[in-house]
C-alpha atoms as a PDB file:
ATOM      1  CA  MET A   1       8.503  17.475 -26.901  1.00  0.00           C
ATOM      2  CA  LYS A   2       8.311  14.183 -25.027  1.00  0.00           C
ATOM      3  CA  LYS A   3      10.946  11.549 -25.639  1.00  0.00           C
ATOM      4  CA  LYS A   4       9.619   8.393 -27.279  1.00  0.00           C
ATOM      5  CA  ILE A   5      10.155   4.966 -25.710  1.00  0.00           C
ATOM      6  CA  LEU A   6       9.505   1.690 -27.544  1.00  0.00           C
ATOM      7  CA  VAL A   7       9.080  -1.149 -25.030  1.00  0.00           C
ATOM      8  CA  LEU A   8       9.571  -4.716 -26.268  1.00  0.00           C
ATOM      9  CA  LEU A   9       7.265  -7.266 -24.664  1.00  0.00           C
ATOM     10  CA  ARG A  10       5.582 -10.533 -25.470  1.00  0.00           C
ATOM     11  CA  ALA A  11       2.197 -10.045 -27.112  1.00  0.00           C
ATOM     12  CA  LYS A  12       0.357 -11.501 -24.102  1.00  0.00           C
ATOM     13  CA  ASP A  13       2.151  -9.041 -21.809  1.00  0.00           C
ATOM     14  CA  ILE A  14       1.080  -6.206 -24.079  1.00  0.00           C
ATOM     15  CA  ARG A  15      -2.527  -7.363 -23.705  1.00  0.00           C
ATOM     16  CA  LYS A  16      -2.163  -7.513 -19.910  1.00  0.00           C
ATOM     17  CA  THR A  17      -0.717  -4.028 -19.913  1.00  0.00           C
ATOM     18  CA  LYS A  18      -3.609  -2.670 -21.953  1.00  0.00           C
ATOM     19  CA  GLU A  19      -5.999  -4.386 -19.539  1.00  0.00           C
ATOM     20  CA  LYS A  20      -4.182  -2.685 -16.631  1.00  0.00           C
ATOM     21  CA  ASN A  21      -3.455  -6.127 -15.203  1.00  0.00           C
ATOM     22  CA  SER A  22       0.308  -6.132 -14.935  1.00  0.00           C
ATOM     23  CA  ALA A  23       3.139  -4.519 -13.010  1.00  0.00           C
ATOM     24  CA  ILE A  24       4.360  -3.051 -16.315  1.00  0.00           C
ATOM     25  CA  TRP A  25       1.211  -0.958 -16.597  1.00  0.00           C
ATOM     26  CA  ARG A  26       1.991   0.757 -13.304  1.00  0.00           C
ATOM     27  CA  TRP A  27       5.236   2.407 -14.375  1.00  0.00           C
ATOM     28  CA  VAL A  28       4.028   3.047 -17.921  1.00  0.00           C
ATOM     29  CA  GLU A  29       0.870   4.774 -16.709  1.00  0.00           C
ATOM     30  CA  ASP A  30       2.812   7.070 -14.373  1.00  0.00           C
ATOM     31  CA  CYS A  31       5.574   7.783 -16.893  1.00  0.00           C
ATOM     32  CA  ARG A  32       3.207   8.703 -19.723  1.00  0.00           C
ATOM     33  CA  LYS A  33       3.232  12.166 -18.156  1.00  0.00           C
ATOM     34  CA  ASP A  34       6.886  12.440 -19.176  1.00  0.00           C
ATOM     35  CA  TYR A  35       7.259  10.150 -22.213  1.00  0.00           C
ATOM     36  CA  GLU A  36       5.389   8.839 -25.212  1.00  0.00           C
ATOM     37  CA  ILE A  37       5.446   5.069 -24.732  1.00  0.00           C
ATOM     38  CA  LYS A  38       4.478   2.364 -27.219  1.00  0.00           C
ATOM     39  CA  PHE A  39       4.909  -1.403 -27.351  1.00  0.00           C
ATOM     40  CA  TRP A  40       6.083  -3.984 -29.825  1.00  0.00           C
ATOM     41  CA  GLY A  41       6.274  -7.754 -29.396  1.00  0.00           C
ATOM     42  CA  ARG A  42       6.873 -11.084 -31.025  1.00  0.00           C
ATOM     43  CA  ASP A  43       4.813 -11.804 -34.127  1.00  0.00           C
ATOM     44  CA  LEU A  44       3.435  -8.287 -34.280  1.00  0.00           C
ATOM     45  CA  SER A  45       3.558  -6.261 -37.455  1.00  0.00           C
ATOM     46  CA  VAL A  46       4.236  -2.539 -37.530  1.00  0.00           C
ATOM     47  CA  ASP A  47       0.536  -1.736 -37.009  1.00  0.00           C
ATOM     48  CA  GLY A  48       0.301  -3.986 -33.946  1.00  0.00           C
ATOM     49  CA  ASN A  49      -1.476  -6.858 -35.678  1.00  0.00           C
ATOM     50  CA  TYR A  50      -0.316 -10.458 -35.525  1.00  0.00           C
ATOM     51  CA  SER A  51       1.945 -12.080 -38.083  1.00  0.00           C
ATOM     52  CA  LEU A  52       0.967 -11.585 -41.697  1.00  0.00           C
ATOM     53  CA  TRP A  53       3.127 -14.593 -42.593  1.00  0.00           C
ATOM     54  CA  GLY A  54       0.608 -17.208 -41.465  1.00  0.00           C
ATOM     55  CA  GLY A  55       2.636 -18.341 -38.452  1.00  0.00           C
ATOM     56  CA  GLU A  56       5.514 -17.383 -36.236  1.00  0.00           C
ATOM     57  CA  PHE A  57       7.970 -14.865 -37.569  1.00  0.00           C
ATOM     58  CA  THR A  58      11.492 -15.984 -38.262  1.00  0.00           C
ATOM     59  CA  GLU A  59      14.248 -13.913 -36.715  1.00  0.00           C
ATOM     60  CA  LYS A  60      14.717 -12.086 -40.017  1.00  0.00           C
ATOM     61  CA  GLN A  61      10.990 -11.340 -40.321  1.00  0.00           C
ATOM     62  CA  MET A  62      10.730 -10.154 -36.717  1.00  0.00           C
ATOM     63  CA  LEU A  63      13.635  -7.759 -37.123  1.00  0.00           C
ATOM     64  CA  PHE A  64      12.112  -6.506 -40.380  1.00  0.00           C
ATOM     65  CA  GLU A  65       8.808  -5.705 -38.654  1.00  0.00           C
ATOM     66  CA  LEU A  66      10.567  -4.194 -35.661  1.00  0.00           C
ATOM     67  CA  LYS A  67      12.611  -1.877 -37.882  1.00  0.00           C
ATOM     68  CA  LYS A  68       9.430  -0.803 -39.679  1.00  0.00           C
ATOM     69  CA  LYS A  69       7.903  -0.016 -36.278  1.00  0.00           C
ATOM     70  CA  ILE A  70      10.982   2.038 -35.430  1.00  0.00           C
ATOM     71  CA  ASP A  71      10.794   3.899 -38.745  1.00  0.00           C
ATOM     72  CA  VAL A  72       7.165   4.833 -38.087  1.00  0.00           C
ATOM     73  CA  PHE A  73       7.370   5.635 -34.362  1.00  0.00           C
ATOM     74  CA  LYS A  74      10.919   7.059 -34.371  1.00  0.00           C
ATOM     75  CA  PRO A  75      11.701   6.211 -30.717  1.00  0.00           C
ATOM     76  CA  ASP A  76      14.515   7.811 -28.767  1.00  0.00           C
ATOM     77  CA  PHE A  77      15.117   4.568 -26.883  1.00  0.00           C
ATOM     78  CA  LEU A  78      14.384   0.861 -27.180  1.00  0.00           C
ATOM     79  CA  TYR A  79      13.699  -0.686 -23.756  1.00  0.00           C
ATOM     80  CA  LEU A  80      13.897  -4.358 -22.798  1.00  0.00           C
ATOM     81  CA  THR A  81      13.851  -6.252 -19.505  1.00  0.00           C
ATOM     82  CA  GLN A  82      13.413  -9.804 -18.160  1.00  0.00           C
ATOM     83  CA  ARG A  83      15.575 -11.786 -20.580  1.00  0.00           C
ATOM     84  CA  LYS A  84      13.850 -15.110 -20.009  1.00  0.00           C
ATOM     85  CA  GLU A  85      10.748 -13.697 -21.719  1.00  0.00           C
ATOM     86  CA  TYR A  86      12.741 -13.352 -24.948  1.00  0.00           C
ATOM     87  CA  LEU A  87      13.942 -16.970 -24.951  1.00  0.00           C
ATOM     88  CA  HIS A  88      10.801 -18.024 -26.798  1.00  0.00           C
ATOM     89  CA  TRP A  89      10.794 -15.350 -29.442  1.00  0.00           C
ATOM     90  CA  LEU A  90      12.062 -17.851 -31.978  1.00  0.00           C
ATOM     91  CA  PRO A  91      10.515 -21.209 -32.960  1.00  0.00           C
ATOM     92  CA  ALA A  92      11.680 -24.490 -31.425  1.00  0.00           C
ATOM     93  CA  PRO A  93      13.883 -26.517 -31.335  1.00  0.00           C
ATOM     94  CA  ASN A  94      16.603 -23.944 -30.678  1.00  0.00           C
ATOM     95  CA  GLN A  95      15.043 -22.170 -27.712  1.00  0.00           C
ATOM     96  CA  ASN A  96      18.350 -20.765 -26.545  1.00  0.00           C
ATOM     97  CA  ARG A  97      18.601 -18.343 -29.450  1.00  0.00           C
ATOM     98  CA  LEU A  98      17.755 -14.763 -28.690  1.00  0.00           C
ATOM     99  CA  LEU A  99      17.031 -11.903 -31.014  1.00  0.00           C
ATOM    100  CA  ASP A 100      20.136 -10.071 -32.178  1.00  0.00           C
ATOM    101  CA  PHE A 101      19.520  -6.315 -31.918  1.00  0.00           C
ATOM    102  CA  THR A 102      22.975  -5.194 -33.020  1.00  0.00           C
ATOM    103  CA  SER A 103      21.699  -3.985 -36.404  1.00  0.00           C
ATOM    104  CA  ILE A 104      19.290  -1.572 -34.699  1.00  0.00           C
ATOM    105  CA  THR A 105      20.861   1.861 -34.286  1.00  0.00           C
ATOM    106  CA  VAL A 106      18.341   3.302 -31.808  1.00  0.00           C
ATOM    107  CA  PRO A 107      19.916   3.432 -28.302  1.00  0.00           C
ATOM    108  CA  LYS A 108      19.038   0.157 -26.591  1.00  0.00           C
ATOM    109  CA  ILE A 109      18.522  -0.059 -22.821  1.00  0.00           C
ATOM    110  CA  TYR A 110      18.309  -3.373 -21.018  1.00  0.00           C
ATOM    111  CA  VAL A 111      17.524  -4.006 -17.327  1.00  0.00           C
ATOM    112  CA  GLU A 112      18.146  -7.516 -15.991  1.00  0.00           C
ATOM    113  CA  VAL A 113      15.726  -8.681 -13.306  1.00  0.00           C
ATOM    114  CA  ASP A 114      16.896 -12.313 -13.230  1.00  0.00           C
ATOM    115  CA  SER A 115      20.608 -11.941 -12.552  1.00  0.00           C
ATOM    116  CA  GLN A 116      20.573 -15.203 -10.581  1.00  0.00           C
ATOM    117  CA  TYR A 117      20.197 -17.076 -13.892  1.00  0.00           C
ATOM    118  CA  TYR A 118      22.694 -15.273 -16.132  1.00  0.00           C
ATOM    119  CA  ASP A 119      26.374 -14.393 -16.023  1.00  0.00           C
ATOM    120  CA  VAL A 120      27.106 -10.710 -16.450  1.00  0.00           C
ATOM    121  CA  ASN A 121      29.840 -11.556 -18.977  1.00  0.00           C
ATOM    122  CA  ASP A 122      27.437 -13.264 -21.376  1.00  0.00           C
ATOM    123  CA  PRO A 123      28.188 -11.736 -24.829  1.00  0.00           C
ATOM    124  CA  TRP A 124      24.448 -11.217 -25.448  1.00  0.00           C
ATOM    125  CA  TYR A 125      24.487  -8.190 -23.145  1.00  0.00           C
ATOM    126  CA  LYS A 126      27.156  -6.439 -25.198  1.00  0.00           C
ATOM    127  CA  GLN A 127      24.632  -5.459 -27.874  1.00  0.00           C
ATOM    128  CA  PHE A 128      22.985  -2.954 -25.517  1.00  0.00           C
ATOM    129  CA  ASP A 129      24.075   0.647 -25.096  1.00  0.00           C
ATOM    130  CA  VAL A 130      22.978   0.776 -21.447  1.00  0.00           C
ATOM    131  CA  LEU A 131      22.942  -2.231 -19.112  1.00  0.00           C
ATOM    132  CA  LYS A 132      21.569  -2.185 -15.562  1.00  0.00           C
ATOM    133  CA  CYS A 133      20.298  -4.754 -13.089  1.00  0.00           C
ATOM    134  CA  ARG A 134      17.687  -4.990 -10.351  1.00  0.00           C
ATOM    135  CA  GLU A 135      19.555  -7.510  -8.185  1.00  0.00           C
ATOM    136  CA  PRO A 136      23.351  -7.212  -7.707  1.00  0.00           C
ATOM    137  CA  SER A 137      23.825 -10.311  -5.534  1.00  0.00           C
ATOM    138  CA  PHE A 138      24.648 -12.874  -8.226  1.00  0.00           C
ATOM    139  CA  ASN A 139      27.030 -13.760 -11.060  1.00  0.00           C
ATOM    140  CA  GLY A 140      29.118 -10.590 -11.055  1.00  0.00           C
ATOM    141  CA  TRP A 141      26.171  -8.214 -11.405  1.00  0.00           C
ATOM    142  CA  ASP A 142      27.507  -6.065  -8.577  1.00  0.00           C
ATOM    143  CA  LYS A 143      29.795  -4.540 -11.252  1.00  0.00           C
ATOM    144  CA  VAL A 144      26.743  -3.261 -13.169  1.00  0.00           C
ATOM    145  CA  PRO A 145      24.839  -0.075 -12.190  1.00  0.00           C
ATOM    146  CA  LEU A 146      21.858  -0.853  -9.990  1.00  0.00           C
ATOM    147  CA  PHE A 147      18.402   0.096 -11.243  1.00  0.00           C
ATOM    148  CA  ARG A 148      16.367   0.042  -8.066  1.00  0.00           C
ATOM    149  CA  TRP A 149      12.739  -0.949  -7.880  1.00  0.00           C
ATOM    150  CA  SER A 150      10.248   1.901  -7.735  1.00  0.00           C
ATOM    151  CA  VAL A 151       6.629   2.475  -6.830  1.00  0.00           C
ATOM    152  CA  PRO A 152       3.579   3.997  -8.510  1.00  0.00           C
ATOM    153  CA  GLU A 153       2.139   7.182  -7.092  1.00  0.00           C
ATOM    154  CA  ILE A 154      -1.000   5.281  -6.087  1.00  0.00           C
ATOM    155  CA  SER A 155       1.015   3.263  -3.556  1.00  0.00           C
ATOM    156  CA  PHE A 156       1.063   6.108  -1.024  1.00  0.00           C
ATOM    157  CA  PRO A 157      -1.921   6.438   1.356  1.00  0.00           C
ATOM    158  CA  VAL A 158      -3.976   9.586   0.819  1.00  0.00           C
ATOM    159  CA  LYS A 159      -5.759   9.567   4.184  1.00  0.00           C
ATOM    160  CA  PRO A 160      -5.136   8.259   7.694  1.00  0.00           C
ATOM    161  CA  SER A 161      -6.397   4.744   8.345  1.00  0.00           C
ATOM    162  CA  LYS A 162      -7.038   2.551  11.366  1.00  0.00           C
ATOM    163  CA  ARG A 163      -4.434  -0.053  10.598  1.00  0.00           C
ATOM    164  CA  LYS A 164      -5.259  -3.596  11.626  1.00  0.00           C
ATOM    165  CA  GLY A 165      -4.011  -7.066  10.748  1.00  0.00           C
ATOM    166  CA  ILE A 166      -0.859  -8.757   9.454  1.00  0.00           C
ATOM    167  CA  TYR A 167      -0.913  -9.607   5.755  1.00  0.00           C
ATOM    168  CA  LEU A 168       1.119 -11.279   3.069  1.00  0.00           C
ATOM    169  CA  ILE A 169      -0.230 -10.222  -0.317  1.00  0.00           C
ATOM    170  CA  GLY A 170       1.026 -12.183  -3.310  1.00  0.00           C
ATOM    171  CA  GLN A 171       1.100 -15.575  -4.978  1.00  0.00           C
ATOM    172  CA  ILE A 172      -0.220 -18.033  -2.392  1.00  0.00           C
ATOM    173  CA  ARG A 173      -1.465 -21.030  -4.367  1.00  0.00           C
ATOM    174  CA  GLU A 174       0.449 -22.205  -7.416  1.00  0.00           C
ATOM    175  CA  GLN A 175       4.110 -21.946  -8.406  1.00  0.00           C
ATOM    176  CA  ILE A 176       5.303 -20.523  -5.109  1.00  0.00           C
ATOM    177  CA  TYR A 177       8.765 -20.912  -3.652  1.00  0.00           C
ATOM    178  CA  PRO A 178       9.325 -23.633  -0.994  1.00  0.00           C
ATOM    179  CA  GLU A 179      10.020 -20.955   1.626  1.00  0.00           C
ATOM    180  CA  ARG A 180       6.607 -19.391   1.061  1.00  0.00           C
ATOM    181  CA  LYS A 181       4.893 -22.783   1.221  1.00  0.00           C
ATOM    182  CA  GLN A 182       6.535 -23.386   4.576  1.00  0.00           C
ATOM    183  CA  LEU A 183       5.670 -19.870   5.730  1.00  0.00           C
ATOM    184  CA  LYS A 184       2.030 -20.395   4.860  1.00  0.00           C
ATOM    185  CA  ARG A 185       1.951 -23.787   6.580  1.00  0.00           C
ATOM    186  CA  LEU A 186       3.508 -22.494   9.799  1.00  0.00           C
ATOM    187  CA  PHE A 187       1.876 -19.070  10.104  1.00  0.00           C
ATOM    188  CA  TYR A 188      -1.612 -19.384   8.640  1.00  0.00           C
ATOM    189  CA  LYS A 189      -3.088 -18.566  12.080  1.00  0.00           C
ATOM    190  CA  HIS A 190      -0.983 -15.419  12.471  1.00  0.00           C
ATOM    191  CA  ILE A 191      -0.785 -13.979   8.939  1.00  0.00           C
ATOM    192  CA  LYS A 192      -3.635 -13.298   6.517  1.00  0.00           C
ATOM    193  CA  PHE A 193      -2.511 -14.618   3.135  1.00  0.00           C
ATOM    194  CA  LYS A 194      -4.187 -12.718   0.306  1.00  0.00           C
ATOM    195  CA  LYS A 195      -3.951 -13.288  -3.425  1.00  0.00           C
ATOM    196  CA  ASN A 196      -2.188 -10.592  -5.400  1.00  0.00           C
ATOM    197  CA  ILE A 197      -4.792  -8.517  -7.244  1.00  0.00           C
ATOM    198  CA  TYR A 198      -3.738  -5.660  -9.522  1.00  0.00           C
ATOM    199  CA  SER A 199      -6.564  -3.319  -8.640  1.00  0.00           C
ATOM    200  CA  SER A 200      -7.648  -0.752  -6.075  1.00  0.00           C
ATOM    201  CA  ILE A 201      -8.272  -3.655  -3.671  1.00  0.00           C
ATOM    202  CA  TYR A 202      -4.540  -4.358  -3.595  1.00  0.00           C
ATOM    203  CA  TRP A 203      -3.674  -0.840  -2.444  1.00  0.00           C
ATOM    204  CA  GLU A 204      -6.618  -0.689  -0.060  1.00  0.00           C
ATOM    205  CA  MET A 205      -5.440  -3.839   1.729  1.00  0.00           C
ATOM    206  CA  MET A 206      -1.934  -2.451   2.101  1.00  0.00           C
ATOM    207  CA  HIS A 207      -3.084   0.968   3.278  1.00  0.00           C
ATOM    208  CA  ASN A 208      -5.215  -0.642   5.995  1.00  0.00           C
ATOM    209  CA  ALA A 209      -2.703  -3.260   7.144  1.00  0.00           C
ATOM    210  CA  SER A 210      -0.841  -2.858  10.407  1.00  0.00           C
ATOM    211  CA  CYS A 211       2.029  -5.014   9.136  1.00  0.00           C
ATOM    212  CA  LEU A 212       3.005  -6.595   5.826  1.00  0.00           C
ATOM    213  CA  VAL A 213       5.237  -9.669   5.639  1.00  0.00           C
ATOM    214  CA  CYS A 214       7.674  -9.626   2.724  1.00  0.00           C
ATOM    215  CA  PRO A 215       9.771 -12.814   2.466  1.00  0.00           C
ATOM    216  CA  THR A 216      12.595 -12.787  -0.073  1.00  0.00           C
ATOM    217  CA  GLU A 217      11.868 -16.422  -1.042  1.00  0.00           C
ATOM    218  CA  SER A 218      15.424 -17.269   0.047  1.00  0.00           C
ATOM    219  CA  VAL A 219      16.634 -18.316   3.485  1.00  0.00           C
ATOM    220  CA  PHE A 220      19.683 -16.161   2.824  1.00  0.00           C
ATOM    221  CA  GLY A 221      17.684 -13.005   2.038  1.00  0.00           C
ATOM    222  CA  ASP A 222      19.373 -12.727  -1.343  1.00  0.00           C
ATOM    223  CA  PHE A 223      16.439 -11.582  -3.442  1.00  0.00           C
ATOM    224  CA  THR A 224      14.958  -8.090  -3.387  1.00  0.00           C
ATOM    225  CA  PRO A 225      11.222  -8.334  -4.148  1.00  0.00           C
ATOM    226  CA  ALA A 226       9.689  -5.403  -6.014  1.00  0.00           C
ATOM    227  CA  LYS A 227       6.864  -5.696  -3.507  1.00  0.00           C
ATOM    228  CA  LEU A 228       9.249  -4.624  -0.717  1.00  0.00           C
ATOM    229  CA  PHE A 229       9.243  -1.077  -2.111  1.00  0.00           C
ATOM    230  CA  GLU A 230       5.456  -1.073  -2.456  1.00  0.00           C
ATOM    231  CA  TYR A 231       5.051  -2.353   1.094  1.00  0.00           C
ATOM    232  CA  LEU A 232       7.330   0.365   2.503  1.00  0.00           C
ATOM    233  CA  SER A 233       5.502   3.107   0.612  1.00  0.00           C
ATOM    234  CA  SER A 234       2.112   1.916   1.902  1.00  0.00           C
ATOM    235  CA  GLY A 235       2.836   3.174   5.412  1.00  0.00           C
ATOM    236  CA  ALA A 236       2.395  -0.241   7.036  1.00  0.00           C
ATOM    237  CA  ALA A 237       5.142  -1.810   9.129  1.00  0.00           C
ATOM    238  CA  VAL A 238       7.165  -4.299   7.070  1.00  0.00           C
ATOM    239  CA  LEU A 239       8.606  -7.602   8.264  1.00  0.00           C
ATOM    240  CA  THR A 240      11.261  -8.993   5.901  1.00  0.00           C
ATOM    241  CA  ASN A 241      14.413 -11.091   5.779  1.00  0.00           C
ATOM    242  CA  CYS A 242      15.855  -9.052   2.911  1.00  0.00           C
ATOM    243  CA  ASP A 243      19.597  -8.394   3.095  1.00  0.00           C
ATOM    244  CA  PHE A 244      19.411  -4.657   2.386  1.00  0.00           C
ATOM    245  CA  LYS A 245      23.166  -4.227   2.176  1.00  0.00           C
ATOM    246  CA  LYS A 246      23.608  -7.010  -0.361  1.00  0.00           C
ATOM    247  CA  ALA A 247      20.659  -5.617  -2.310  1.00  0.00           C
ATOM    248  CA  GLY A 248      22.414  -2.260  -2.608  1.00  0.00           C
ATOM    249  CA  ILE A 249      19.775  -0.377  -0.580  1.00  0.00           C
ATOM    250  CA  PRO A 250      21.235  -0.242   2.974  1.00  0.00           C
ATOM    251  CA  GLU A 251      19.542   3.100   3.705  1.00  0.00           C
ATOM    252  CA  LEU A 252      16.095   1.442   3.641  1.00  0.00           C
ATOM    253  CA  GLU A 253      16.871  -1.076   6.382  1.00  0.00           C
ATOM    254  CA  GLN A 254      16.048   1.489   9.086  1.00  0.00           C
ATOM    255  CA  PHE A 255      12.400   1.450   8.009  1.00  0.00           C
ATOM    256  CA  ALA A 256      11.832  -2.322   8.137  1.00  0.00           C
ATOM    257  CA  ILE A 257      11.697  -4.956  10.871  1.00  0.00           C
ATOM    258  CA  LYS A 258      14.196  -7.695  10.054  1.00  0.00           C
ATOM    259  CA  TYR A 259      13.678 -11.356  10.930  1.00  0.00           C
ATOM    260  CA  LYS A 260      16.473 -13.930  10.727  1.00  0.00           C
ATOM    261  CA  ASN A 261      14.431 -17.111  10.427  1.00  0.00           C
ATOM    262  CA  PHE A 262      10.938 -18.434  11.090  1.00  0.00           C
ATOM    263  CA  LYS A 263      11.660 -18.847  14.813  1.00  0.00           C
ATOM    264  CA  ASP A 264      12.606 -15.182  14.977  1.00  0.00           C
ATOM    265  CA  LEU A 265       9.581 -14.218  12.887  1.00  0.00           C
ATOM    266  CA  ILE A 266       7.075 -15.735  15.292  1.00  0.00           C
ATOM    267  CA  THR A 267       8.351 -13.545  18.141  1.00  0.00           C
ATOM    268  CA  LYS A 268       8.148 -10.386  16.038  1.00  0.00           C
ATOM    269  CA  LEU A 269       4.608 -10.984  14.842  1.00  0.00           C
ATOM    270  CA  SER A 270       3.353  -9.995  18.298  1.00  0.00           C
ATOM    271  CA  MET A 271       5.275  -6.729  18.620  1.00  0.00           C
ATOM    272  CA  ASP A 272       3.788  -3.223  18.532  1.00  0.00           C
ATOM    273  CA  PHE A 273       3.976  -2.053  14.912  1.00  0.00           C
ATOM    274  CA  THR A 274       2.717   1.478  15.557  1.00  0.00           C
ATOM    275  CA  PRO A 275       6.190   3.148  15.654  1.00  0.00           C
ATOM    276  CA  TYR A 276       6.794   1.930  12.110  1.00  0.00           C
ATOM    277  CA  HIS A 277       3.563   3.223  10.598  1.00  0.00           C
ATOM    278  CA  ASP A 278       4.225   5.827   7.873  1.00  0.00           C
ATOM    279  CA  LYS A 279       7.909   5.873   8.864  1.00  0.00           C
ATOM    280  CA  ALA A 280       9.245   5.009   5.400  1.00  0.00           C
ATOM    281  CA  ILE A 281       6.971   7.263   3.333  1.00  0.00           C
ATOM    282  CA  PRO A 282       9.217  10.388   3.224  1.00  0.00           C
ATOM    283  CA  SER A 283      12.063   8.263   1.897  1.00  0.00           C
ATOM    284  CA  MET A 284       9.939   6.212  -0.518  1.00  0.00           C
ATOM    285  CA  ILE A 285       8.697   9.396  -2.196  1.00  0.00           C
ATOM    286  CA  GLU A 286      12.173   9.474  -3.724  1.00  0.00           C
ATOM    287  CA  HIS A 287      11.529   6.077  -5.322  1.00  0.00           C
ATOM    288  CA  THR A 288       8.540   6.781  -7.562  1.00  0.00           C
ATOM    289  CA  HIS A 289       8.420   5.457 -11.133  1.00  0.00           C
ATOM    290  CA  ARG A 290       8.723   8.948 -12.571  1.00  0.00           C
ATOM    291  CA  ILE A 291      11.925   9.597 -10.647  1.00  0.00           C
ATOM    292  CA  ARG A 292      13.403   6.180 -11.343  1.00  0.00           C
ATOM    293  CA  TYR A 293      12.780   6.033 -15.089  1.00  0.00           C
ATOM    294  CA  LYS A 294      14.291   9.452 -15.587  1.00  0.00           C
ATOM    295  CA  GLU A 295      17.517   7.717 -14.601  1.00  0.00           C
ATOM    296  CA  LEU A 296      17.129   5.637 -17.757  1.00  0.00           C
ATOM    297  CA  PHE A 297      15.598   7.999 -20.257  1.00  0.00           C
ATOM    298  CA  GLY A 298      16.567  11.444 -18.980  1.00  0.00           C
END
């Protein structure tokens, strides 16, 4: 019998997931082979409908509906991630309040993806039975077990391709980090900047690229983008300024081409990328969603 996982998300993220238009859908779709996965979110009743109270749930009402969902579904685990998404689960003005899950007896697993914003000693984390993080570089999170990024099975190329072109695939218009704005301004003649599209087009672009540029959005290389794992598994060469050692993944550095700054990057954009093609794939096969989430759920 499959273990049951109840994932807590915002209602709009649940809709995106059902529309197959989110990163969440990728791991859920792959892991359905191993687990029975359902969702619950703010202002949803046990049957998945919106609030029956005529407005936003209070904390008491939300916990009541969540416990009813648990009684019906009987999950083995409750899974949460990305704390900032839960900041708005309660009405204003007190936006700093977060749901208190201590009264829920189902084992609760939480994975922090925004460790740069929160101190590991924040009492809020103590209510979870298992605590892990994606990024160990900040605020004492190096003391917490690392939950590495992983890739969907679709990320691996299924046939040889004539790789051509240097791409950066991701957010390129609004709400981008200053480093990416500068990157786009300086290298628009050398790099093809493509909007991130969660569809077959996304994987097709990566599987046909000769090189993929993966900035960490920090001049210090502190952040570890989830896209770095997807880029490596695509078989393309990868140019990045990620600090692999600080990210807790030093063994992956051998598969990437590191650049120190934009001056260094411009020299490496003209190199022969062929020796790096498909180099990382044998290692990245050990980083699929199905393998990674078994670390959480068994």
